[in-house]
Protein backbone atom coordinates (compact mmCIF):
# COMPACT_ATOMS: atom_id res chain seq x y z
CA MET A 1 -71.98 -69.15 107.66
CA LEU A 2 -68.21 -69.62 107.47
CA VAL A 3 -66.57 -68.36 110.63
CA SER A 4 -63.19 -66.79 111.19
CA ASP A 5 -60.40 -69.30 111.77
CA ASP A 6 -56.88 -68.11 112.44
CA THR A 7 -55.47 -71.56 113.22
CA ARG A 8 -53.26 -73.42 110.76
CA PRO A 9 -55.38 -74.78 107.89
CA PRO A 10 -55.82 -78.55 107.52
CA GLY A 11 -53.69 -80.42 104.99
CA TYR A 12 -54.67 -81.73 101.58
CA ARG A 13 -54.61 -85.29 102.90
CA GLU A 14 -57.55 -84.50 105.16
CA VAL A 15 -59.52 -83.15 102.20
CA PHE A 16 -58.93 -86.31 100.19
CA ARG A 17 -60.47 -88.45 102.91
CA GLU A 18 -63.91 -87.44 101.63
CA ARG A 19 -64.87 -90.00 98.95
CA ASP A 20 -67.22 -87.75 97.00
CA PHE A 21 -64.59 -85.03 96.87
CA ARG A 22 -62.13 -87.48 95.35
CA VAL A 23 -64.60 -88.26 92.59
CA LEU A 24 -65.27 -84.58 91.90
CA TRP A 25 -61.55 -83.91 91.89
CA VAL A 26 -60.82 -86.61 89.29
CA ALA A 27 -63.60 -85.33 87.03
CA HIS A 28 -62.40 -81.74 87.54
CA ALA A 29 -58.85 -82.71 86.55
CA LEU A 30 -60.02 -84.52 83.42
CA LEU A 31 -62.28 -81.61 82.45
CA ASN A 32 -59.57 -78.97 82.75
CA LEU A 33 -56.91 -81.10 81.07
CA GLY A 34 -59.24 -81.66 78.13
CA GLU A 35 -60.34 -78.03 77.88
CA VAL A 36 -56.76 -76.75 77.79
CA MET A 37 -55.85 -79.22 75.06
CA LYS A 38 -59.01 -78.34 73.14
CA ALA A 39 -58.39 -74.58 73.38
CA LEU A 40 -54.78 -75.02 72.25
CA ALA A 41 -55.81 -77.23 69.32
CA LEU A 42 -58.59 -74.87 68.18
CA SER A 43 -56.39 -71.78 68.52
CA ALA A 44 -53.59 -73.40 66.51
CA LEU A 45 -56.05 -74.65 63.89
CA VAL A 46 -57.68 -71.25 63.41
CA TYR A 47 -54.35 -69.39 63.38
CA SER A 48 -52.94 -71.77 60.75
CA ARG A 49 -56.01 -71.24 58.56
CA SER A 50 -56.47 -67.49 58.98
CA GLY A 51 -53.13 -66.08 60.16
CA SER A 52 -55.14 -63.69 62.35
CA PRO A 53 -54.16 -63.02 65.99
CA LEU A 54 -57.70 -61.76 66.61
CA LEU A 55 -59.42 -64.94 65.37
CA SER A 56 -56.80 -67.09 67.09
CA GLY A 57 -57.44 -65.33 70.41
CA ILE A 58 -61.20 -65.66 69.96
CA ALA A 59 -60.84 -69.37 69.21
CA TYR A 60 -58.83 -69.81 72.40
CA VAL A 61 -61.71 -68.47 74.51
CA ALA A 62 -64.70 -69.03 72.21
CA GLY A 63 -66.49 -71.16 74.78
CA LEU A 64 -66.24 -68.37 77.35
CA LEU A 65 -67.95 -65.62 75.38
CA PRO A 66 -71.59 -66.78 75.63
CA GLN A 67 -71.52 -67.79 79.27
CA VAL A 68 -73.09 -64.52 80.33
CA PHE A 69 -76.21 -65.53 78.39
CA GLY A 70 -76.22 -68.98 79.95
CA SER A 71 -75.92 -67.48 83.40
CA ALA A 72 -78.83 -65.15 82.65
CA ALA A 73 -81.15 -67.90 81.44
CA LEU A 74 -80.18 -71.27 82.92
CA LEU A 75 -78.26 -70.96 86.19
CA SER A 76 -81.21 -71.76 88.44
CA LEU A 77 -80.91 -75.33 87.14
CA ALA A 78 -77.71 -75.67 89.17
CA ASP A 79 -79.86 -75.78 92.31
CA ARG A 80 -82.81 -77.67 90.77
CA LEU A 81 -81.41 -80.64 88.82
CA PRO A 82 -79.80 -83.81 90.24
CA PRO A 83 -76.05 -83.04 90.36
CA ARG A 84 -74.58 -86.46 89.53
CA LEU A 85 -76.72 -87.21 86.49
CA THR A 86 -76.50 -83.66 85.13
CA MET A 87 -72.71 -83.42 85.39
CA ALA A 88 -72.22 -86.85 83.82
CA ALA A 89 -74.63 -86.10 80.97
CA TRP A 90 -72.87 -82.84 80.22
CA ASP A 91 -69.47 -84.54 79.97
CA ALA A 92 -70.98 -86.98 77.48
CA ALA A 93 -72.29 -84.00 75.49
CA ARG A 94 -68.82 -82.42 75.58
CA ALA A 95 -67.39 -85.62 74.13
CA ALA A 96 -69.90 -85.44 71.27
CA GLY A 97 -68.92 -81.82 70.54
CA ALA A 98 -65.22 -82.68 70.49
CA ALA A 99 -65.97 -85.50 68.06
CA VAL A 100 -67.78 -83.12 65.70
CA LEU A 101 -64.82 -80.73 65.77
CA ALA A 102 -62.42 -83.61 65.22
CA LEU A 103 -64.26 -84.62 62.04
CA ASP A 104 -62.83 -81.38 60.58
CA VAL A 105 -65.86 -80.63 58.42
CA LEU A 106 -66.67 -77.18 59.85
CA PRO A 107 -65.26 -73.91 58.50
CA VAL A 108 -63.69 -71.44 60.92
CA PRO A 109 -67.01 -69.66 61.65
CA GLY A 110 -68.62 -73.04 62.33
CA VAL A 111 -65.84 -74.04 64.72
CA LEU A 112 -66.29 -70.81 66.66
CA ALA A 113 -70.09 -71.12 66.65
CA LEU A 114 -70.05 -74.69 68.01
CA SER A 115 -67.62 -73.73 70.77
CA MET A 116 -69.85 -70.82 71.71
CA LEU A 117 -72.94 -73.04 71.76
CA TYR A 118 -71.36 -75.33 74.32
CA GLY A 119 -70.25 -72.33 76.33
CA LEU A 120 -73.90 -71.34 76.69
CA PHE A 121 -74.60 -74.42 78.85
CA ASP A 122 -71.25 -74.73 80.65
CA PRO A 123 -72.23 -72.60 83.68
CA VAL A 124 -74.78 -75.10 85.03
CA PRO A 125 -72.59 -78.19 85.68
CA ALA A 126 -69.67 -75.99 86.73
CA ALA A 127 -71.84 -74.25 89.32
CA MET A 128 -73.13 -77.59 90.60
CA LYS A 129 -69.61 -78.82 91.20
CA THR A 130 -68.46 -75.71 93.04
CA ALA A 131 -71.59 -75.44 95.18
CA LEU A 132 -71.13 -79.02 96.40
CA LEU A 133 -67.81 -78.18 98.05
CA PRO A 134 -69.16 -76.30 101.13
CA GLU A 135 -71.68 -79.11 101.66
CA LEU A 136 -69.08 -81.86 101.36
CA MET A 137 -66.21 -80.24 103.22
CA GLY A 138 -67.79 -78.01 105.88
CA GLU A 139 -66.54 -74.66 107.12
CA ARG A 140 -63.05 -75.70 108.13
CA ARG A 141 -62.04 -77.47 104.91
CA PHE A 142 -63.97 -75.53 102.26
CA VAL A 143 -61.29 -73.01 101.24
CA LEU A 144 -58.63 -75.72 101.23
CA ALA A 145 -60.83 -77.87 98.97
CA GLN A 146 -61.39 -74.90 96.65
CA SER A 147 -57.65 -74.24 96.71
CA LEU A 148 -57.01 -77.82 95.68
CA MET A 149 -59.48 -77.47 92.82
CA ASN A 150 -57.68 -74.30 91.70
CA VAL A 151 -54.29 -75.98 92.03
CA THR A 152 -55.64 -78.79 89.91
CA VAL A 153 -56.56 -76.25 87.24
CA GLY A 154 -52.97 -74.99 87.25
CA ALA A 155 -51.53 -78.51 87.13
CA ALA A 156 -53.96 -79.47 84.37
CA GLN A 157 -52.91 -76.42 82.39
CA ILE A 158 -49.24 -77.30 82.75
CA CYS A 159 -49.90 -80.89 81.67
CA GLY A 160 -52.41 -79.78 79.05
CA PHE A 161 -50.02 -77.38 77.37
CA ALA A 162 -47.18 -79.90 77.51
CA VAL A 163 -49.23 -82.89 76.37
CA GLY A 164 -51.29 -80.77 73.98
CA GLY A 165 -48.17 -79.36 72.37
CA ALA A 166 -46.74 -82.86 71.94
CA LEU A 167 -50.02 -84.15 70.52
CA LEU A 168 -50.25 -81.21 68.13
CA ALA A 169 -46.77 -82.03 66.83
CA LEU A 170 -47.57 -85.74 66.61
CA LEU A 171 -51.24 -85.90 65.63
CA GLY A 172 -52.13 -82.35 64.60
CA PRO A 173 -55.21 -80.44 65.82
CA VAL A 174 -57.68 -83.07 64.61
CA GLY A 175 -55.95 -85.95 66.37
CA THR A 176 -55.68 -83.86 69.54
CA LEU A 177 -59.43 -83.27 69.48
CA TRP A 178 -60.07 -87.02 69.33
CA VAL A 179 -57.99 -87.42 72.48
CA VAL A 180 -60.09 -84.68 74.11
CA CYS A 181 -63.22 -86.64 73.16
CA GLY A 182 -61.94 -89.76 74.92
CA GLY A 183 -61.10 -87.80 78.08
CA ALA A 184 -64.60 -86.33 78.24
CA LEU A 185 -66.14 -89.79 77.99
CA LEU A 186 -63.92 -91.00 80.84
CA SER A 187 -64.99 -88.04 82.99
CA ALA A 188 -68.65 -88.83 82.28
CA ALA A 189 -68.15 -92.41 83.45
CA VAL A 190 -66.40 -91.29 86.64
CA LEU A 191 -69.23 -88.91 87.53
CA ARG A 192 -72.01 -91.33 86.64
CA LEU A 193 -70.65 -94.16 88.76
CA GLY A 194 -68.80 -92.25 91.47
CA PRO A 195 -70.49 -89.72 93.77
CA ARG A 196 -73.43 -90.57 95.96
CA ILE A 197 -76.82 -89.35 94.81
CA ARG A 198 -77.74 -85.98 96.30
CA PRO A 199 -81.09 -84.23 95.93
CA PRO A 200 -81.32 -80.86 94.16
CA ARG A 201 -80.58 -78.00 96.55
CA GLY A 202 -83.50 -75.70 95.73
CA ALA A 203 -86.11 -77.72 93.87
CA GLY A 204 -88.86 -77.05 96.37
CA GLY A 205 -90.98 -79.84 94.90
CA SER A 206 -91.71 -77.92 91.66
CA ALA A 207 -91.26 -79.30 88.17
CA VAL A 208 -88.32 -77.99 86.14
CA THR A 209 -89.53 -76.47 82.88
CA PRO A 210 -87.73 -74.08 80.49
CA ALA A 211 -90.08 -71.23 81.39
CA ARG A 212 -89.67 -71.83 85.12
CA ALA A 213 -85.89 -72.15 84.79
CA LEU A 214 -85.71 -68.86 82.89
CA SER A 215 -87.96 -66.92 85.28
CA THR A 216 -86.28 -68.33 88.37
CA THR A 217 -82.82 -67.61 87.03
CA TRP A 218 -83.71 -64.01 86.29
CA ALA A 219 -85.35 -63.52 89.67
CA VAL A 220 -82.44 -64.95 91.66
CA ASN A 221 -79.85 -63.12 89.55
CA ARG A 222 -81.66 -59.82 90.18
CA ALA A 223 -81.74 -60.55 93.90
CA LEU A 224 -78.03 -61.36 93.97
CA TRP A 225 -77.05 -58.26 92.00
CA ALA A 226 -79.32 -56.10 94.17
CA ASP A 227 -77.32 -57.09 97.25
CA VAL A 228 -74.45 -54.61 97.31
CA ARG A 229 -72.18 -57.04 99.20
CA VAL A 230 -72.69 -59.78 96.59
CA ARG A 231 -72.38 -57.35 93.69
CA ARG A 232 -69.06 -55.94 94.86
CA LEU A 233 -67.61 -59.40 95.40
CA LEU A 234 -68.80 -60.57 91.99
CA LEU A 235 -67.07 -57.63 90.33
CA ALA A 236 -63.91 -58.21 92.35
CA LEU A 237 -63.84 -61.89 91.39
CA CYS A 238 -64.27 -61.12 87.69
CA LEU A 239 -62.67 -57.88 86.55
CA PRO A 240 -58.99 -57.88 87.58
CA ALA A 241 -58.50 -61.49 86.46
CA CYS A 242 -60.31 -61.39 83.12
CA TRP A 243 -57.81 -59.02 81.51
CA ILE A 244 -54.88 -61.28 82.34
CA VAL A 245 -56.60 -64.20 80.64
CA GLY A 246 -57.02 -61.87 77.67
CA ALA A 247 -53.28 -61.29 77.75
CA GLU A 248 -52.64 -65.04 77.87
CA ALA A 249 -54.89 -65.56 74.85
CA THR A 250 -52.48 -63.36 72.83
CA MET A 251 -49.41 -65.45 73.69
CA ILE A 252 -49.42 -67.41 70.43
CA SER A 253 -49.16 -64.26 68.34
CA TYR A 254 -46.69 -62.71 70.84
CA ALA A 255 -44.34 -65.67 70.47
CA ASP A 256 -44.54 -65.19 66.70
CA GLU A 257 -43.85 -61.47 67.11
CA ILE A 258 -40.55 -62.04 68.90
CA GLY A 259 -39.50 -64.77 66.47
CA SER A 260 -40.06 -67.81 68.73
CA PRO A 261 -43.37 -69.33 67.60
CA ARG A 262 -42.46 -72.79 68.91
CA ALA A 263 -41.95 -71.46 72.47
CA VAL A 264 -45.57 -70.50 73.11
CA GLY A 265 -46.00 -73.65 75.22
CA ALA A 266 -43.26 -72.42 77.56
CA LEU A 267 -45.05 -69.10 78.08
CA LEU A 268 -48.42 -70.68 78.83
CA THR A 269 -46.89 -73.38 81.02
CA ALA A 270 -45.07 -70.72 83.07
CA ALA A 271 -48.34 -68.86 83.59
CA ALA A 272 -50.07 -72.04 84.73
CA LEU A 273 -47.21 -72.82 87.12
CA GLY A 274 -47.50 -69.37 88.69
CA MET A 275 -51.24 -69.85 89.25
CA LEU A 276 -50.58 -73.22 90.89
CA ILE A 277 -48.03 -71.63 93.26
CA GLY A 278 -50.37 -68.78 94.19
CA ASP A 279 -53.34 -71.02 94.95
CA THR A 280 -51.18 -73.37 96.99
CA LEU A 281 -49.77 -70.53 99.10
CA VAL A 282 -53.16 -68.99 99.76
CA GLY A 283 -55.14 -72.17 100.35
CA ARG A 284 -52.61 -74.30 102.20
CA PHE A 285 -50.61 -71.85 104.28
CA ALA A 286 -52.77 -68.76 104.92
CA THR A 287 -55.32 -68.32 107.68
CA ARG A 288 -58.53 -66.44 106.96
CA ARG A 289 -57.11 -63.24 108.46
CA ARG A 290 -54.04 -63.44 106.23
CA ARG A 291 -56.16 -64.15 103.19
CA SER A 292 -58.10 -60.93 103.77
CA ARG A 293 -54.80 -59.01 103.88
CA TRP A 294 -53.35 -60.68 100.80
CA ALA A 295 -56.26 -60.00 98.41
CA LEU A 296 -55.20 -56.49 97.35
CA PRO A 297 -51.44 -57.05 96.88
CA LEU A 298 -52.09 -60.27 94.96
CA SER A 299 -54.51 -58.47 92.66
CA VAL A 300 -51.85 -55.83 91.97
CA LEU A 301 -49.28 -58.55 91.31
CA LEU A 302 -51.65 -60.10 88.78
CA GLY A 303 -51.35 -57.17 86.38
CA ALA A 304 -48.10 -55.36 87.09
CA PRO A 305 -45.55 -57.76 85.49
CA TYR A 306 -47.44 -57.84 82.18
CA LEU A 307 -46.84 -54.09 81.74
CA LEU A 308 -43.23 -54.99 80.92
CA PHE A 309 -44.35 -56.91 77.82
CA ALA A 310 -44.48 -53.51 76.10
CA ALA A 311 -40.67 -53.80 75.92
CA GLN A 312 -40.97 -57.13 74.02
CA PRO A 313 -38.97 -59.33 76.42
CA GLY A 314 -37.49 -62.58 75.14
CA ILE A 315 -38.96 -65.97 75.90
CA ALA A 316 -37.08 -66.55 79.16
CA ALA A 317 -37.93 -63.14 80.61
CA ALA A 318 -41.51 -63.31 79.33
CA ALA A 319 -42.01 -66.72 80.92
CA GLY A 320 -40.68 -65.43 84.23
CA LEU A 321 -42.99 -62.41 84.12
CA ALA A 322 -46.00 -64.59 83.25
CA ALA A 323 -45.25 -66.96 86.14
CA LEU A 324 -44.82 -64.11 88.61
CA ALA A 325 -48.03 -62.41 87.53
CA SER A 326 -50.09 -65.59 87.68
CA ILE A 327 -49.30 -66.03 91.37
CA GLY A 328 -51.70 -63.12 91.75
CA PHE A 329 -54.64 -65.28 90.65
CA GLY A 330 -54.68 -66.43 94.27
CA TYR A 331 -56.44 -63.17 95.14
CA SER A 332 -59.78 -64.70 94.13
CA LEU A 333 -59.33 -67.49 96.67
CA CYS A 334 -58.97 -64.81 99.35
CA LEU A 335 -62.54 -63.71 98.63
CA GLN A 336 -64.26 -67.11 98.69
CA GLU A 337 -65.24 -67.22 102.37
CA SER A 338 -66.72 -63.74 102.23
CA PHE A 339 -68.70 -64.76 99.15
CA VAL A 340 -70.15 -67.85 100.85
CA ASP A 341 -71.03 -65.77 103.89
CA VAL A 342 -73.23 -63.32 101.98
CA VAL A 343 -74.99 -65.76 99.61
CA PRO A 344 -78.22 -67.60 100.63
CA VAL A 345 -77.71 -71.36 100.90
CA GLU A 346 -80.66 -72.19 98.63
CA SER A 347 -79.11 -70.06 95.85
CA ARG A 348 -75.50 -71.07 96.40
CA GLY A 349 -75.17 -73.01 93.16
CA GLN A 350 -76.54 -70.14 91.12
CA ALA A 351 -74.34 -67.63 92.93
CA PHE A 352 -71.18 -69.61 92.26
CA GLY A 353 -72.31 -70.10 88.69
CA LEU A 354 -72.91 -66.38 88.31
CA ALA A 355 -69.40 -65.66 89.54
CA ALA A 356 -67.80 -68.28 87.30
CA SER A 357 -69.79 -67.47 84.17
CA GLY A 358 -69.29 -63.75 84.76
CA LEU A 359 -65.55 -64.34 84.92
CA MET A 360 -65.62 -66.51 81.81
CA SER A 361 -67.68 -64.00 79.85
CA CYS A 362 -65.43 -61.13 80.91
CA GLN A 363 -62.43 -63.20 79.87
CA GLY A 364 -63.93 -63.67 76.42
CA ILE A 365 -64.58 -59.94 76.04
CA ALA A 366 -61.12 -59.07 77.34
CA ALA A 367 -59.49 -61.57 74.97
CA GLY A 368 -61.39 -60.08 72.05
CA LEU A 369 -60.37 -56.52 72.94
CA THR A 370 -56.78 -57.56 73.60
CA GLY A 371 -56.70 -59.37 70.26
CA ALA A 372 -58.07 -56.28 68.54
CA VAL A 373 -55.24 -54.15 69.96
CA ALA A 374 -52.77 -56.84 68.89
CA GLU A 375 -54.28 -56.77 65.41
CA LEU A 376 -54.15 -52.98 65.11
CA ALA A 377 -50.77 -52.45 66.78
CA ARG A 378 -48.78 -55.49 67.89
CA PRO A 379 -49.34 -58.38 70.36
CA SER A 380 -46.93 -56.96 72.94
CA ALA A 381 -48.93 -53.74 73.02
CA GLY A 382 -52.16 -55.70 73.46
CA ILE A 383 -50.73 -57.55 76.46
CA ALA A 384 -49.53 -54.32 78.08
CA VAL A 385 -52.93 -52.67 77.56
CA ALA A 386 -54.64 -55.68 79.17
CA ALA A 387 -52.31 -55.37 82.16
CA ALA A 388 -53.13 -51.69 82.56
CA ALA A 389 -56.85 -52.48 82.40
CA SER A 390 -56.44 -55.12 85.13
CA LEU A 391 -54.66 -52.65 87.41
CA LEU A 392 -57.34 -50.03 86.77
CA CYS A 393 -60.03 -52.51 87.85
CA THR A 394 -58.04 -53.30 90.98
CA ALA A 395 -57.86 -49.59 91.82
CA LEU A 396 -61.60 -49.18 91.35
CA LEU A 397 -62.32 -52.19 93.59
CA VAL A 398 -59.81 -51.39 96.31
CA ARG A 399 -62.55 -51.11 98.98
CA VAL A 400 -63.54 -54.72 98.36
CA LEU A 401 -60.00 -56.09 98.09
CA ARG A 402 -58.62 -54.22 101.09
CA PRO A 403 -59.34 -55.81 104.50
CA THR A 404 -62.03 -54.16 106.58
CA PRO A 405 -61.72 -53.70 110.35
């Protein structure tokens, strides 16, 4: 169990002293850089073909939509397969998928279907990676390590949008996808040769079969959802944040609405920068007691600035609002220690996977609904509606987000 610690957190340099963490961090950076570039390329490709904000938004998050089904059927594998081999093999499979997309032989429905197919399996390696952090870093450094992973996501998004935008201008969507393919192969090599071999966390000496994986996943998921402490934290980790990702998925059509289609990269980069700032503040400078106090106000901050998009602000104001709001993503980091405390160790991988895939699936649904509002009304209205939905979820979950005595 993680214990309360009100002393100053350790620095990032101390986290990087762990060799296996360094390997996971490099692979994590390559993964997120590639996924941002891939999402940007697919969204631009679909929007150029269809002219539809709804289809463009769905393309941006197509891999997120089916993760709820993967979490329902496969997540037990995160505790029952060898982590190093599984994560490396999955990166090789991601490279193959990017190559198929880069061949540019699939129609728009085929592009969306392939992205969704990969999203079905994404929860397993992602859960493996996250569940390794408490084992590698221990109680004192776990939240800081998770903060660094989150900061890396923000940095990768900033670089991904910048590099992806440049590659789109230079090579087009197809050429960008070939670059994504090469990055996935590099990540696979890093994982295959880097971390030390670790046994599966919950294998228990039993063979892994599809039927056993399915039945075990369902059983553990039911047990996790039946625990009211776990259930409340899962909802708090997923619901306020998913609507803001839905708002971000509408940025391409919003930039077109206000007459600045080429500035969409600035909007998305500002949002990524805000997330990086929020995770750094929470992970590096806050004690556990402060984190418990910051969860609620950060969750409110996540949605409130996006309400102002109803007034159709210009690019500079919109970028500032997006950056400010994204600082609020740090609220989820405030809940991590409580989540580890209430989850059984032998199911930790599945629990983290359930949280991540639940968030991803909710993001896909929120992006689809936000895109539908943008299609029926206008993108600025869709973003404002998503912000209101995020704030409503925060209000409903205030007992979880507010510190308890």
